[in-house]
Amino acid sequence: MWIGWIEFDILLGDVHSLKEKRSVVRPLLAELKRRFEVSVAEVGDHSQYRRTQLGAGLVAADRPHLIEVLTAVERFVAGLPEIELLSVRQRELHSED
């Protein structure tokens, strides 16, 4: 069994309040969950309205599938015009590690 996750440090575009931040982050999390069938959450920078940290994770039977999904998630987030991707961290672990 393989476990993988990816973390994004994101600068939000034209956002001026925490309420506006939620209106960007919530649909993004829902779309990641729907499109890629991953677990997702806002994992940091909760009180800053122009920054957020998002995380996505999944469990897969084999490493190639895990890498394929995490790479697709990264490409999707990086391609969003309303955000600036500041950094990405990715990690994979085998259950026997």
C-alpha atoms as a PDB file:
ATOM      1  CA  MET A   1       0.000   0.000   0.000  1.00  0.00           C
ATOM      2  CA  TRP A   2       1.240   3.476  -0.910  1.00  0.00           C
ATOM      3  CA  ILE A   3       0.323   6.679   0.901  1.00  0.00           C
ATOM      4  CA  GLY A   4       0.976  10.039  -0.710  1.00  0.00           C
ATOM      5  CA  TRP A   5       0.278  13.666  -0.111  1.00  0.00           C
ATOM      6  CA  ILE A   6       0.924  17.021  -1.672  1.00  0.00           C
ATOM      7  CA  GLU A   7       0.949  20.414   0.030  1.00  0.00           C
ATOM      8  CA  PHE A   8       0.495  23.764  -1.679  1.00  0.00           C
ATOM      9  CA  ASP A   9       1.484  27.218  -0.443  1.00  0.00           C
ATOM     10  CA  ILE A  10      -0.811  29.574  -2.338  1.00  0.00           C
ATOM     11  CA  LEU A  11      -1.145  33.327  -2.745  1.00  0.00           C
ATOM     12  CA  LEU A  12      -4.723  34.225  -3.601  1.00  0.00           C
ATOM     13  CA  GLY A  13      -5.464  36.866  -6.216  1.00  0.00           C
ATOM     14  CA  ASP A  14      -8.069  39.593  -5.776  1.00  0.00           C
ATOM     15  CA  VAL A  15      -9.148  38.678  -2.228  1.00  0.00           C
ATOM     16  CA  HIS A  16      -9.730  41.312   0.469  1.00  0.00           C
ATOM     17  CA  SER A  17     -11.328  39.414   3.361  1.00  0.00           C
ATOM     18  CA  LEU A  18     -11.578  36.004   4.962  1.00  0.00           C
ATOM     19  CA  LYS A  19     -15.083  35.683   3.520  1.00  0.00           C
ATOM     20  CA  GLU A  20     -13.736  36.217  -0.008  1.00  0.00           C
ATOM     21  CA  LYS A  21     -10.947  33.732   0.749  1.00  0.00           C
ATOM     22  CA  ARG A  22     -13.550  31.101   1.671  1.00  0.00           C
ATOM     23  CA  SER A  23     -15.374  31.775  -1.607  1.00  0.00           C
ATOM     24  CA  VAL A  24     -12.197  30.798  -3.480  1.00  0.00           C
ATOM     25  CA  VAL A  25     -10.892  27.991  -1.247  1.00  0.00           C
ATOM     26  CA  ARG A  26     -14.108  26.014  -0.663  1.00  0.00           C
ATOM     27  CA  PRO A  27     -14.943  25.497  -4.362  1.00  0.00           C
ATOM     28  CA  LEU A  28     -11.310  24.610  -5.068  1.00  0.00           C
ATOM     29  CA  LEU A  29     -11.297  21.939  -2.349  1.00  0.00           C
ATOM     30  CA  ALA A  30     -14.613  20.551  -3.610  1.00  0.00           C
ATOM     31  CA  GLU A  31     -13.338  20.393  -7.192  1.00  0.00           C
ATOM     32  CA  LEU A  32     -10.115  18.618  -6.181  1.00  0.00           C
ATOM     33  CA  LYS A  33     -12.116  16.071  -4.217  1.00  0.00           C
ATOM     34  CA  ARG A  34     -14.605  15.533  -7.035  1.00  0.00           C
ATOM     35  CA  ARG A  35     -12.151  15.442  -9.932  1.00  0.00           C
ATOM     36  CA  PHE A  36      -9.297  13.431  -8.386  1.00  0.00           C
ATOM     37  CA  GLU A  37     -11.020  11.510  -5.551  1.00  0.00           C
ATOM     38  CA  VAL A  38      -8.477  12.682  -2.967  1.00  0.00           C
ATOM     39  CA  SER A  39      -8.889  13.847   0.608  1.00  0.00           C
ATOM     40  CA  VAL A  40      -8.307  17.602   0.799  1.00  0.00           C
ATOM     41  CA  ALA A  41      -8.169  20.303   3.461  1.00  0.00           C
ATOM     42  CA  GLU A  42      -6.962  23.796   4.164  1.00  0.00           C
ATOM     43  CA  VAL A  43      -3.992  23.023   6.405  1.00  0.00           C
ATOM     44  CA  GLY A  44      -2.461  26.416   7.189  1.00  0.00           C
ATOM     45  CA  ASP A  45      -2.602  30.213   7.046  1.00  0.00           C
ATOM     46  CA  HIS A  46      -6.217  30.179   8.269  1.00  0.00           C
ATOM     47  CA  SER A  47      -6.211  33.761   9.525  1.00  0.00           C
ATOM     48  CA  GLN A  48      -4.456  35.363   6.542  1.00  0.00           C
ATOM     49  CA  TYR A  49      -6.884  36.322   3.812  1.00  0.00           C
ATOM     50  CA  ARG A  50      -4.439  36.359   0.867  1.00  0.00           C
ATOM     51  CA  ARG A  51      -2.526  33.169   1.725  1.00  0.00           C
ATOM     52  CA  THR A  52      -3.534  29.576   2.209  1.00  0.00           C
ATOM     53  CA  GLN A  53      -1.949  26.188   2.517  1.00  0.00           C
ATOM     54  CA  LEU A  54      -3.850  23.267   1.050  1.00  0.00           C
ATOM     55  CA  GLY A  55      -3.142  19.569   1.358  1.00  0.00           C
ATOM     56  CA  ALA A  56      -4.368  16.565  -0.613  1.00  0.00           C
ATOM     57  CA  GLY A  57      -3.721  12.925   0.166  1.00  0.00           C
ATOM     58  CA  LEU A  58      -4.570   9.483  -1.073  1.00  0.00           C
ATOM     59  CA  VAL A  59      -3.898   5.804  -0.624  1.00  0.00           C
ATOM     60  CA  ALA A  60      -3.123   3.643  -3.658  1.00  0.00           C
ATOM     61  CA  ALA A  61      -2.215   0.052  -4.387  1.00  0.00           C
ATOM     62  CA  ASP A  62       0.841   0.983  -6.458  1.00  0.00           C
ATOM     63  CA  ARG A  63       3.295   3.869  -6.686  1.00  0.00           C
ATOM     64  CA  PRO A  64       2.754   4.728 -10.398  1.00  0.00           C
ATOM     65  CA  HIS A  65      -0.950   5.389  -9.796  1.00  0.00           C
ATOM     66  CA  LEU A  66      -0.134   7.480  -6.714  1.00  0.00           C
ATOM     67  CA  ILE A  67       2.380   9.602  -8.648  1.00  0.00           C
ATOM     68  CA  GLU A  68      -0.041   9.994 -11.561  1.00  0.00           C
ATOM     69  CA  VAL A  69      -2.822  11.347  -9.346  1.00  0.00           C
ATOM     70  CA  LEU A  70      -0.567  13.673  -7.329  1.00  0.00           C
ATOM     71  CA  THR A  71       0.976  15.037 -10.529  1.00  0.00           C
ATOM     72  CA  ALA A  72      -2.470  15.655 -12.015  1.00  0.00           C
ATOM     73  CA  VAL A  73      -3.547  17.480  -8.846  1.00  0.00           C
ATOM     74  CA  GLU A  74      -0.426  19.674  -9.015  1.00  0.00           C
ATOM     75  CA  ARG A  75      -0.986  20.483 -12.705  1.00  0.00           C
ATOM     76  CA  PHE A  76      -4.606  21.406 -12.021  1.00  0.00           C
ATOM     77  CA  VAL A  77      -3.776  23.741  -9.118  1.00  0.00           C
ATOM     78  CA  ALA A  78      -0.833  25.306 -10.969  1.00  0.00           C
ATOM     79  CA  GLY A  79      -3.080  26.063 -13.935  1.00  0.00           C
ATOM     80  CA  LEU A  80      -5.631  28.076 -11.991  1.00  0.00           C
ATOM     81  CA  PRO A  81      -5.488  31.740 -13.067  1.00  0.00           C
ATOM     82  CA  GLU A  82      -6.919  33.151  -9.813  1.00  0.00           C
ATOM     83  CA  ILE A  83      -4.034  31.926  -7.639  1.00  0.00           C
ATOM     84  CA  GLU A  84      -0.252  32.092  -7.533  1.00  0.00           C
ATOM     85  CA  LEU A  85       1.413  28.866  -6.521  1.00  0.00           C
ATOM     86  CA  LEU A  86       4.336  29.751  -4.231  1.00  0.00           C
ATOM     87  CA  SER A  87       5.582  26.239  -3.430  1.00  0.00           C
ATOM     88  CA  VAL A  88       4.659  22.577  -3.632  1.00  0.00           C
ATOM     89  CA  ARG A  89       5.810  19.716  -1.427  1.00  0.00           C
ATOM     90  CA  GLN A  90       5.057  16.109  -2.279  1.00  0.00           C
ATOM     91  CA  ARG A  91       5.778  12.898  -0.406  1.00  0.00           C
ATOM     92  CA  GLU A  92       5.115   9.207  -0.932  1.00  0.00           C
ATOM     93  CA  LEU A  93       5.499   6.393   1.568  1.00  0.00           C
ATOM     94  CA  HIS A  94       5.105   2.644   1.314  1.00  0.00           C
ATOM     95  CA  SER A  95       3.226   1.058   4.205  1.00  0.00           C
ATOM     96  CA  GLU A  96       6.283  -1.033   5.064  1.00  0.00           C
ATOM     97  CA  ASP A  97       8.611   1.983   5.389  1.00  0.00           C
END
